[in-house]
Amino acid sequence: MDSISTYAKTFLGVSQGSRRHKLIVDRYNQIKPLPRGYRVKYTDNWCATFVSFVLYSCGCTKNLYECSAERLRKIFVKSKLEVNKDKGVKECIIWYDWDNNNWADHVGIITAVDKKYYYVIEGNKNRRVEMRTIKKSSKAIFTIAKIR
C-alpha cells in the first residue's frame, strides 16, 4: 500500500464542489460493495469519504471504508485497530468528538507527530482539504487507529 499521508497531501486545498472534490466523491462511490449501499452526494459531509477514498486509492484491501465518521470509527474498533490516544503515529487515522458526547464528529489522517502534536490532513475542514495541528493531550481526540 502506498503512503496514505503522502497521497492525501496531493489533495491539499481541494474545495467542496470543485472538479477534484467530485473526483474524491466519484471514486468513493466506485467502491464495491458500496458501504451501506449509500452513494455519497457532492453536498454531503465528506471527512470520512475523504479518508476512505485515500485508503481505497492507496490499495488498502481491508475494507475499511465508510462515509460516516462514527460508522468508520466503529469499523476500525471492531477490527481491533485502535491504539492509545497518545500513541498515534504517521499513517494512523484519528477521530474527534468535538461535543464530548461519545460520537465521532470528524476524522482525518495523521501525517506527522512530534512530542506534543499530531499533524493531521482532513477532508471537509472548512469545506476543503486542510491540515490541522492538535495537541496530543486534546480532549477532543476520541479514537486513533492504525491501518497496518
C-alpha atoms as a PDB file:
ATOM      1  CA  MET A   1       0.000   0.000   0.000  1.00  0.00           C
ATOM      2  CA  ASP A   2       1.318   3.443  -0.910  1.00  0.00           C
ATOM      3  CA  SER A   3       1.850   6.076   1.791  1.00  0.00           C
ATOM      4  CA  ILE A   4      -1.596   7.368   2.607  1.00  0.00           C
ATOM      5  CA  SER A   5      -0.353  10.624   4.123  1.00  0.00           C
ATOM      6  CA  THR A   6       1.761  11.445   1.063  1.00  0.00           C
ATOM      7  CA  TYR A   7      -1.128  10.710  -1.282  1.00  0.00           C
ATOM      8  CA  ALA A   8      -3.627  12.631   0.878  1.00  0.00           C
ATOM      9  CA  LYS A   9      -1.384  15.717   0.800  1.00  0.00           C
ATOM     10  CA  THR A  10      -1.727  15.862  -3.003  1.00  0.00           C
ATOM     11  CA  PHE A  11      -5.311  16.979  -2.353  1.00  0.00           C
ATOM     12  CA  LEU A  12      -4.477  19.883  -0.010  1.00  0.00           C
ATOM     13  CA  GLY A  13      -6.580  22.906  -0.892  1.00  0.00           C
ATOM     14  CA  VAL A  14      -9.285  20.990  -2.757  1.00  0.00           C
ATOM     15  CA  SER A  15     -12.603  22.772  -2.170  1.00  0.00           C
ATOM     16  CA  GLN A  16     -16.044  21.226  -1.909  1.00  0.00           C
ATOM     17  CA  GLY A  17     -17.766  21.382  -5.289  1.00  0.00           C
ATOM     18  CA  SER A  18     -14.518  21.604  -7.271  1.00  0.00           C
ATOM     19  CA  ARG A  19     -13.559  19.127 -10.006  1.00  0.00           C
ATOM     20  CA  ARG A  20     -11.107  17.353  -7.668  1.00  0.00           C
ATOM     21  CA  HIS A  21     -13.700  17.150  -4.879  1.00  0.00           C
ATOM     22  CA  LYS A  22     -16.066  15.488  -7.335  1.00  0.00           C
ATOM     23  CA  LEU A  23     -13.260  13.048  -8.211  1.00  0.00           C
ATOM     24  CA  ILE A  24     -12.984  12.113  -4.496  1.00  0.00           C
ATOM     25  CA  VAL A  25     -16.730  11.520  -4.217  1.00  0.00           C
ATOM     26  CA  ASP A  26     -16.983   9.682  -7.544  1.00  0.00           C
ATOM     27  CA  ARG A  27     -14.070   7.387  -6.696  1.00  0.00           C
ATOM     28  CA  TYR A  28     -15.577   6.628  -3.265  1.00  0.00           C
ATOM     29  CA  ASN A  29     -18.858   5.755  -4.983  1.00  0.00           C
ATOM     30  CA  GLN A  30     -16.974   3.159  -7.096  1.00  0.00           C
ATOM     31  CA  ILE A  31     -16.096   1.065  -4.018  1.00  0.00           C
ATOM     32  CA  LYS A  32     -17.658  -2.376  -4.342  1.00  0.00           C
ATOM     33  CA  PRO A  33     -19.630  -3.228  -2.382  1.00  0.00           C
ATOM     34  CA  LEU A  34     -20.593   0.353  -1.665  1.00  0.00           C
ATOM     35  CA  PRO A  35     -20.672   0.770   2.127  1.00  0.00           C
ATOM     36  CA  ARG A  36     -24.301   0.566   3.293  1.00  0.00           C
ATOM     37  CA  GLY A  37     -25.281   0.914  -0.369  1.00  0.00           C
ATOM     38  CA  TYR A  38     -25.199   4.697   0.094  1.00  0.00           C
ATOM     39  CA  ARG A  39     -23.957   6.843  -2.804  1.00  0.00           C
ATOM     40  CA  VAL A  40     -22.302   9.976  -1.412  1.00  0.00           C
ATOM     41  CA  LYS A  41     -23.592  13.248  -2.835  1.00  0.00           C
ATOM     42  CA  TYR A  42     -21.353  16.219  -3.607  1.00  0.00           C
ATOM     43  CA  THR A  43     -23.210  18.176  -0.908  1.00  0.00           C
ATOM     44  CA  ASP A  44     -22.730  15.598   1.893  1.00  0.00           C
ATOM     45  CA  ASN A  45     -20.237  15.984   4.718  1.00  0.00           C
ATOM     46  CA  TRP A  46     -17.141  14.286   3.384  1.00  0.00           C
ATOM     47  CA  CYS A  47     -14.408  13.875   6.008  1.00  0.00           C
ATOM     48  CA  ALA A  48     -14.867  10.082   6.228  1.00  0.00           C
ATOM     49  CA  THR A  49     -15.422   9.895   2.475  1.00  0.00           C
ATOM     50  CA  PHE A  50     -12.017  11.553   2.009  1.00  0.00           C
ATOM     51  CA  VAL A  51     -10.258   9.152   4.410  1.00  0.00           C
ATOM     52  CA  SER A  52     -11.944   6.146   2.768  1.00  0.00           C
ATOM     53  CA  PHE A  53     -11.098   7.469  -0.713  1.00  0.00           C
ATOM     54  CA  VAL A  54      -7.426   7.793   0.264  1.00  0.00           C
ATOM     55  CA  LEU A  55      -7.308   4.295   1.780  1.00  0.00           C
ATOM     56  CA  TYR A  56      -9.059   2.799  -1.255  1.00  0.00           C
ATOM     57  CA  SER A  57      -6.870   4.692  -3.742  1.00  0.00           C
ATOM     58  CA  CYS A  58      -3.699   3.569  -1.935  1.00  0.00           C
ATOM     59  CA  GLY A  59      -4.644  -0.081  -2.123  1.00  0.00           C
ATOM     60  CA  CYS A  60      -5.940  -0.747   1.381  1.00  0.00           C
ATOM     61  CA  THR A  61      -7.726  -4.048   0.931  1.00  0.00           C
ATOM     62  CA  LYS A  62      -9.065  -4.349   4.481  1.00  0.00           C
ATOM     63  CA  ASN A  63     -12.483  -2.922   3.532  1.00  0.00           C
ATOM     64  CA  LEU A  64     -12.099  -0.046   5.995  1.00  0.00           C
ATOM     65  CA  TYR A  65     -14.423   2.273   4.104  1.00  0.00           C
ATOM     66  CA  GLU A  66     -17.411   4.333   5.189  1.00  0.00           C
ATOM     67  CA  CYS A  67     -18.780   7.852   4.554  1.00  0.00           C
ATOM     68  CA  SER A  68     -19.789   8.476   8.181  1.00  0.00           C
ATOM     69  CA  ALA A  69     -17.044   9.340  10.680  1.00  0.00           C
ATOM     70  CA  GLU A  70     -18.766   7.462  13.524  1.00  0.00           C
ATOM     71  CA  ARG A  71     -19.508   4.372  11.436  1.00  0.00           C
ATOM     72  CA  LEU A  72     -15.933   4.367  10.120  1.00  0.00           C
ATOM     73  CA  ARG A  73     -14.649   4.547  13.698  1.00  0.00           C
ATOM     74  CA  LYS A  74     -16.790   1.568  14.674  1.00  0.00           C
ATOM     75  CA  ILE A  75     -15.365  -0.457  11.758  1.00  0.00           C
ATOM     76  CA  PHE A  76     -11.811   0.248  12.963  1.00  0.00           C
ATOM     77  CA  VAL A  77     -12.656  -0.521  16.604  1.00  0.00           C
ATOM     78  CA  LYS A  78     -14.417  -3.770  15.625  1.00  0.00           C
ATOM     79  CA  SER A  79     -11.318  -4.699  13.597  1.00  0.00           C
ATOM     80  CA  LYS A  80      -9.216  -4.169  16.768  1.00  0.00           C
ATOM     81  CA  LEU A  81      -7.048  -1.489  15.127  1.00  0.00           C
ATOM     82  CA  GLU A  82      -7.486   1.071  17.921  1.00  0.00           C
ATOM     83  CA  VAL A  83      -4.385   2.354  19.756  1.00  0.00           C
ATOM     84  CA  ASN A  84      -3.884   4.540  22.840  1.00  0.00           C
ATOM     85  CA  LYS A  85      -4.670   8.179  22.063  1.00  0.00           C
ATOM     86  CA  ASP A  86      -1.130   9.292  22.872  1.00  0.00           C
ATOM     87  CA  LYS A  87       0.461   6.503  20.788  1.00  0.00           C
ATOM     88  CA  GLY A  88      -0.601   7.666  17.351  1.00  0.00           C
ATOM     89  CA  VAL A  89       1.999   7.630  14.586  1.00  0.00           C
ATOM     90  CA  LYS A  90       2.176   8.781  10.986  1.00  0.00           C
ATOM     91  CA  GLU A  91      -0.444   6.992   8.856  1.00  0.00           C
ATOM     92  CA  CYS A  92      -2.876   6.494  11.763  1.00  0.00           C
ATOM     93  CA  ILE A  93      -6.490   7.548  11.434  1.00  0.00           C
ATOM     94  CA  ILE A  94      -7.719   9.992  14.093  1.00  0.00           C
ATOM     95  CA  TRP A  95     -11.279  10.780  15.127  1.00  0.00           C
ATOM     96  CA  TYR A  96     -12.557  13.778  17.073  1.00  0.00           C
ATOM     97  CA  ASP A  97     -15.526  14.165  19.401  1.00  0.00           C
ATOM     98  CA  TRP A  98     -15.961  17.951  19.444  1.00  0.00           C
ATOM     99  CA  ASP A  99     -19.143  17.829  21.558  1.00  0.00           C
ATOM    100  CA  ASN A 100     -17.851  15.349  24.147  1.00  0.00           C
ATOM    101  CA  ASN A 101     -20.923  13.167  23.562  1.00  0.00           C
ATOM    102  CA  ASN A 102     -19.182   9.861  22.763  1.00  0.00           C
ATOM    103  CA  TRP A 103     -19.766  10.275  18.995  1.00  0.00           C
ATOM    104  CA  ALA A 104     -17.132  10.776  16.292  1.00  0.00           C
ATOM    105  CA  ASP A 105     -17.819  14.141  14.668  1.00  0.00           C
ATOM    106  CA  HIS A 106     -14.817  14.287  12.335  1.00  0.00           C
ATOM    107  CA  VAL A 107     -11.905  12.167  11.070  1.00  0.00           C
ATOM    108  CA  GLY A 108      -8.505  12.676   9.436  1.00  0.00           C
ATOM    109  CA  ILE A 109      -5.128  11.087   8.695  1.00  0.00           C
ATOM    110  CA  ILE A 110      -2.067  11.748  10.843  1.00  0.00           C
ATOM    111  CA  THR A 111       0.759  12.904   8.578  1.00  0.00           C
ATOM    112  CA  ALA A 112       3.388  13.673  11.247  1.00  0.00           C
ATOM    113  CA  VAL A 113       3.904  13.516  15.002  1.00  0.00           C
ATOM    114  CA  ASP A 114       6.202  15.253  17.479  1.00  0.00           C
ATOM    115  CA  LYS A 115       6.373  15.268  21.277  1.00  0.00           C
ATOM    116  CA  LYS A 116       3.289  17.460  21.742  1.00  0.00           C
ATOM    117  CA  TYR A 117       1.303  17.482  18.498  1.00  0.00           C
ATOM    118  CA  TYR A 118      -0.394  15.461  15.806  1.00  0.00           C
ATOM    119  CA  TYR A 119      -0.372  16.969  12.319  1.00  0.00           C
ATOM    120  CA  VAL A 120      -3.484  15.829  10.512  1.00  0.00           C
ATOM    121  CA  ILE A 121      -4.872  16.140   6.995  1.00  0.00           C
ATOM    122  CA  GLU A 122      -8.647  16.271   6.806  1.00  0.00           C
ATOM    123  CA  GLY A 123     -11.321  16.426   4.163  1.00  0.00           C
ATOM    124  CA  ASN A 124     -14.218  18.800   4.797  1.00  0.00           C
ATOM    125  CA  LYS A 125     -12.310  21.048   7.197  1.00  0.00           C
ATOM    126  CA  ASN A 126     -13.806  24.426   6.308  1.00  0.00           C
ATOM    127  CA  ARG A 127     -15.236  22.655   3.213  1.00  0.00           C
ATOM    128  CA  ARG A 128     -11.699  21.992   1.970  1.00  0.00           C
ATOM    129  CA  VAL A 129      -8.856  19.511   2.364  1.00  0.00           C
ATOM    130  CA  GLU A 130      -6.746  21.185   5.038  1.00  0.00           C
ATOM    131  CA  MET A 131      -4.171  20.474   7.724  1.00  0.00           C
ATOM    132  CA  ARG A 132      -4.840  20.624  11.455  1.00  0.00           C
ATOM    133  CA  THR A 133      -2.316  20.750  14.296  1.00  0.00           C
ATOM    134  CA  ILE A 134      -3.760  19.328  17.502  1.00  0.00           C
ATOM    135  CA  LYS A 135      -2.186  18.724  20.892  1.00  0.00           C
ATOM    136  CA  LYS A 136      -1.836  15.061  21.785  1.00  0.00           C
ATOM    137  CA  SER A 137      -3.476  15.925  25.107  1.00  0.00           C
ATOM    138  CA  SER A 138      -6.605  17.399  23.479  1.00  0.00           C
ATOM    139  CA  LYS A 139      -9.829  16.099  24.993  1.00  0.00           C
ATOM    140  CA  ALA A 140     -11.391  16.315  21.518  1.00  0.00           C
ATOM    141  CA  ILE A 141      -9.358  13.301  20.346  1.00  0.00           C
ATOM    142  CA  PHE A 142     -11.767  10.389  20.508  1.00  0.00           C
ATOM    143  CA  THR A 143     -10.032   7.412  18.877  1.00  0.00           C
ATOM    144  CA  ILE A 144      -6.818   6.693  16.993  1.00  0.00           C
ATOM    145  CA  ALA A 145      -6.329   3.566  14.900  1.00  0.00           C
ATOM    146  CA  LYS A 146      -3.592   2.014  12.791  1.00  0.00           C
ATOM    147  CA  ILE A 147      -4.391   0.637   9.351  1.00  0.00           C
ATOM    148  CA  ARG A 148      -1.445  -1.789   9.279  1.00  0.00           C
END
